[in-house]
N, C-alpha and C. Protein backbone atom coordinates (compact mmCIF):
# COMPACT_ATOMS: atom_id res chain seq x y z
N MET A 1 0.07 -35.15 43.14
CA MET A 1 1.36 -35.75 42.90
C MET A 1 1.75 -35.60 41.45
N HIS A 2 3.02 -35.40 41.22
CA HIS A 2 3.52 -35.29 39.86
C HIS A 2 3.98 -36.64 39.37
N SER A 3 3.75 -36.90 38.10
CA SER A 3 4.18 -38.15 37.49
C SER A 3 5.69 -38.14 37.28
N MET A 4 6.29 -39.30 37.36
CA MET A 4 7.73 -39.41 37.15
C MET A 4 8.06 -39.64 35.67
N GLN A 5 7.05 -39.69 34.82
CA GLN A 5 7.28 -39.88 33.40
C GLN A 5 7.93 -38.64 32.81
N ALA A 6 8.76 -38.87 31.80
CA ALA A 6 9.37 -37.74 31.09
C ALA A 6 8.27 -37.00 30.34
N ALA A 7 8.31 -35.70 30.39
CA ALA A 7 7.32 -34.89 29.70
C ALA A 7 7.58 -34.91 28.20
N VAL A 8 6.50 -34.95 27.44
CA VAL A 8 6.61 -34.87 25.99
C VAL A 8 6.95 -33.42 25.65
N PRO A 9 7.94 -33.21 24.80
CA PRO A 9 8.27 -31.84 24.42
C PRO A 9 7.04 -31.12 23.86
N ASP A 10 6.80 -29.93 24.32
CA ASP A 10 5.67 -29.13 23.85
C ASP A 10 6.20 -28.15 22.82
N ASN A 11 6.07 -28.52 21.56
CA ASN A 11 6.50 -27.63 20.49
C ASN A 11 5.47 -27.69 19.36
N SER A 12 5.66 -26.88 18.36
CA SER A 12 4.67 -26.81 17.28
C SER A 12 4.49 -28.14 16.57
N VAL A 13 5.53 -28.93 16.47
CA VAL A 13 5.43 -30.22 15.78
C VAL A 13 4.58 -31.19 16.58
N THR A 14 4.90 -31.38 17.85
CA THR A 14 4.14 -32.34 18.65
C THR A 14 2.69 -31.88 18.83
N ARG A 15 2.48 -30.58 19.00
CA ARG A 15 1.10 -30.07 19.13
C ARG A 15 0.31 -30.27 17.85
N THR A 16 0.93 -30.00 16.70
CA THR A 16 0.25 -30.16 15.42
C THR A 16 -0.10 -31.62 15.17
N LEU A 17 0.84 -32.52 15.42
CA LEU A 17 0.58 -33.94 15.21
C LEU A 17 -0.52 -34.44 16.14
N ALA A 18 -0.51 -34.01 17.38
CA ALA A 18 -1.54 -34.42 18.33
C ALA A 18 -2.91 -33.90 17.90
N LEU A 19 -2.97 -32.67 17.45
CA LEU A 19 -4.23 -32.11 16.98
C LEU A 19 -4.70 -32.80 15.70
N ALA A 20 -3.79 -33.10 14.81
CA ALA A 20 -4.13 -33.83 13.58
C ALA A 20 -4.69 -35.21 13.93
N SER A 21 -4.11 -35.85 14.92
CA SER A 21 -4.59 -37.16 15.35
C SER A 21 -6.02 -37.07 15.90
N ARG A 22 -6.28 -36.06 16.70
CA ARG A 22 -7.64 -35.87 17.22
C ARG A 22 -8.61 -35.53 16.09
N THR A 23 -8.15 -34.74 15.13
CA THR A 23 -9.01 -34.33 14.02
C THR A 23 -9.45 -35.51 13.17
N ILE A 24 -8.53 -36.42 12.91
CA ILE A 24 -8.83 -37.52 12.00
C ILE A 24 -9.37 -38.76 12.71
N GLY A 25 -9.26 -38.78 14.03
CA GLY A 25 -9.85 -39.88 14.78
C GLY A 25 -8.90 -40.90 15.36
N GLY A 26 -7.65 -40.53 15.56
CA GLY A 26 -6.74 -41.45 16.24
C GLY A 26 -5.39 -41.59 15.55
N HIS A 27 -4.45 -42.15 16.30
CA HIS A 27 -3.09 -42.32 15.79
C HIS A 27 -3.05 -43.27 14.60
N ASP A 28 -3.85 -44.34 14.65
CA ASP A 28 -3.83 -45.30 13.55
C ASP A 28 -4.30 -44.66 12.25
N ARG A 29 -5.34 -43.86 12.33
CA ARG A 29 -5.84 -43.19 11.12
C ARG A 29 -4.86 -42.14 10.62
N LEU A 30 -4.23 -41.42 11.54
CA LEU A 30 -3.26 -40.41 11.12
C LEU A 30 -2.06 -41.07 10.46
N ALA A 31 -1.58 -42.16 11.03
CA ALA A 31 -0.44 -42.87 10.43
C ALA A 31 -0.79 -43.33 9.01
N GLU A 32 -2.00 -43.86 8.84
CA GLU A 32 -2.44 -44.29 7.51
C GLU A 32 -2.52 -43.10 6.56
N TYR A 33 -3.11 -42.00 7.02
CA TYR A 33 -3.24 -40.79 6.20
C TYR A 33 -1.88 -40.27 5.76
N LEU A 34 -0.92 -40.29 6.69
CA LEU A 34 0.42 -39.79 6.37
C LEU A 34 1.27 -40.81 5.62
N GLY A 35 0.83 -42.05 5.59
CA GLY A 35 1.57 -43.10 4.89
C GLY A 35 2.82 -43.55 5.63
N VAL A 36 2.73 -43.59 6.97
CA VAL A 36 3.87 -43.99 7.79
C VAL A 36 3.44 -45.06 8.79
N ALA A 37 4.41 -45.76 9.34
CA ALA A 37 4.13 -46.75 10.38
C ALA A 37 3.68 -46.03 11.65
N GLN A 38 2.76 -46.66 12.37
CA GLN A 38 2.27 -46.05 13.60
C GLN A 38 3.39 -45.89 14.61
N ALA A 39 4.35 -46.80 14.63
CA ALA A 39 5.48 -46.70 15.57
C ALA A 39 6.30 -45.44 15.30
N LEU A 40 6.48 -45.10 14.02
CA LEU A 40 7.22 -43.89 13.67
C LEU A 40 6.42 -42.65 14.08
N LEU A 41 5.12 -42.67 13.84
CA LEU A 41 4.27 -41.55 14.27
C LEU A 41 4.38 -41.35 15.78
N GLU A 42 4.39 -42.44 16.53
CA GLU A 42 4.51 -42.35 17.99
C GLU A 42 5.82 -41.68 18.39
N GLU A 43 6.90 -41.96 17.67
CA GLU A 43 8.18 -41.31 17.96
C GLU A 43 8.08 -39.80 17.75
N TRP A 44 7.39 -39.40 16.69
CA TRP A 44 7.21 -37.97 16.42
C TRP A 44 6.34 -37.34 17.50
N LEU A 45 5.25 -38.02 17.86
CA LEU A 45 4.34 -37.50 18.88
C LEU A 45 5.02 -37.37 20.24
N ASP A 46 5.94 -38.28 20.52
CA ASP A 46 6.68 -38.26 21.78
C ASP A 46 7.84 -37.27 21.76
N GLY A 47 8.11 -36.68 20.59
CA GLY A 47 9.19 -35.72 20.48
C GLY A 47 10.58 -36.34 20.42
N ARG A 48 10.65 -37.65 20.14
CA ARG A 48 11.95 -38.31 20.07
C ARG A 48 12.70 -37.97 18.80
N CYS A 49 11.96 -37.63 17.76
CA CYS A 49 12.55 -37.16 16.50
C CYS A 49 11.47 -36.37 15.78
N GLU A 50 11.85 -35.66 14.74
CA GLU A 50 10.89 -34.83 14.01
C GLU A 50 10.59 -35.44 12.65
N PRO A 51 9.36 -35.27 12.18
CA PRO A 51 8.99 -35.79 10.87
C PRO A 51 9.62 -34.95 9.76
N PRO A 52 9.69 -35.53 8.55
CA PRO A 52 10.12 -34.73 7.41
C PRO A 52 9.16 -33.56 7.20
N THR A 53 9.65 -32.51 6.61
CA THR A 53 8.84 -31.31 6.40
C THR A 53 7.55 -31.61 5.63
N ALA A 54 7.63 -32.45 4.61
CA ALA A 54 6.43 -32.77 3.82
C ALA A 54 5.35 -33.43 4.67
N ILE A 55 5.75 -34.29 5.59
CA ILE A 55 4.79 -34.96 6.48
C ILE A 55 4.18 -33.93 7.43
N TYR A 56 5.01 -33.07 7.98
CA TYR A 56 4.53 -32.03 8.89
C TYR A 56 3.52 -31.13 8.17
N MET A 57 3.80 -30.79 6.93
CA MET A 57 2.89 -29.93 6.15
C MET A 57 1.55 -30.63 5.91
N ARG A 58 1.57 -31.93 5.69
CA ARG A 58 0.31 -32.67 5.51
C ARG A 58 -0.51 -32.65 6.80
N ALA A 59 0.18 -32.78 7.93
CA ALA A 59 -0.52 -32.71 9.22
C ALA A 59 -1.11 -31.32 9.44
N LEU A 60 -0.36 -30.29 9.08
CA LEU A 60 -0.87 -28.91 9.19
C LEU A 60 -2.11 -28.73 8.31
N ASP A 61 -2.06 -29.27 7.11
CA ASP A 61 -3.20 -29.17 6.19
C ASP A 61 -4.42 -29.85 6.79
N LEU A 62 -4.22 -30.99 7.38
CA LEU A 62 -5.31 -31.72 8.02
C LEU A 62 -5.92 -30.90 9.15
N VAL A 63 -5.09 -30.30 9.97
CA VAL A 63 -5.57 -29.46 11.07
C VAL A 63 -6.33 -28.25 10.52
N ALA A 64 -5.83 -27.66 9.45
CA ALA A 64 -6.47 -26.48 8.87
C ALA A 64 -7.87 -26.81 8.35
N ARG A 65 -8.06 -28.03 7.86
CA ARG A 65 -9.38 -28.44 7.36
C ARG A 65 -10.34 -28.74 8.49
N GLY A 66 -9.81 -28.95 9.68
CA GLY A 66 -10.64 -29.13 10.87
C GLY A 66 -11.49 -30.37 10.87
N PRO A 67 -12.63 -30.31 11.54
CA PRO A 67 -13.46 -31.50 11.73
C PRO A 67 -14.08 -32.03 10.44
N PHE A 68 -13.92 -31.32 9.35
CA PHE A 68 -14.47 -31.79 8.08
C PHE A 68 -13.47 -32.64 7.32
N ALA A 69 -12.29 -32.85 7.90
CA ALA A 69 -11.25 -33.65 7.25
C ALA A 69 -11.71 -35.09 7.13
N THR A 70 -11.30 -35.72 6.06
CA THR A 70 -11.60 -37.13 5.86
C THR A 70 -10.31 -37.91 5.89
N PRO A 71 -10.38 -39.21 6.11
CA PRO A 71 -9.16 -40.00 6.14
C PRO A 71 -8.55 -40.23 4.77
N HIS A 72 -9.19 -39.75 3.72
CA HIS A 72 -8.66 -39.93 2.37
C HIS A 72 -7.52 -38.97 2.12
N ARG A 73 -6.62 -39.37 1.28
CA ARG A 73 -5.48 -38.51 0.95
C ARG A 73 -5.97 -37.34 0.12
N GLY A 74 -5.59 -36.15 0.54
CA GLY A 74 -6.07 -34.92 -0.07
C GLY A 74 -5.77 -34.77 -1.54
N ARG A 75 -4.59 -35.13 -1.97
CA ARG A 75 -4.21 -34.90 -3.37
C ARG A 75 -5.06 -35.70 -4.33
N ASP A 76 -5.43 -36.93 -3.96
CA ASP A 76 -6.22 -37.77 -4.85
C ASP A 76 -7.62 -37.19 -5.06
N HIS A 77 -8.16 -36.55 -4.03
CA HIS A 77 -9.51 -36.01 -4.11
C HIS A 77 -9.54 -34.55 -4.54
N ALA A 78 -8.38 -33.93 -4.63
CA ALA A 78 -8.33 -32.51 -4.97
C ALA A 78 -8.25 -32.28 -6.47
N LYS A 79 -8.09 -33.36 -7.25
CA LYS A 79 -7.98 -33.20 -8.70
C LYS A 79 -9.29 -32.68 -9.26
N LYS A 80 -9.18 -31.72 -10.14
CA LYS A 80 -10.38 -31.15 -10.75
C LYS A 80 -10.80 -32.01 -11.93
N LYS A 81 -12.10 -32.12 -12.12
CA LYS A 81 -12.62 -32.87 -13.27
C LYS A 81 -12.52 -32.00 -14.50
N SER A 82 -12.14 -32.62 -15.60
CA SER A 82 -12.02 -31.87 -16.86
C SER A 82 -13.33 -31.86 -17.60
């Protein structure tokens, strides 16, 4: 039987956000990492609206780092020591 629920749009944004969520360990952690409310993240994941480009790029970066990604914000830890 097919579900009567509306299908989530399958596009690069929703796929990337879903993969980023799996990579970091859940929607709550991804929302914290991106610095957004979990309710807003859910809207993006459901395809109801799209995130700003900067947020999407952070999610892409998280996916690119794969299972070695940490919940810490990348820029703070990427600074080189002098």
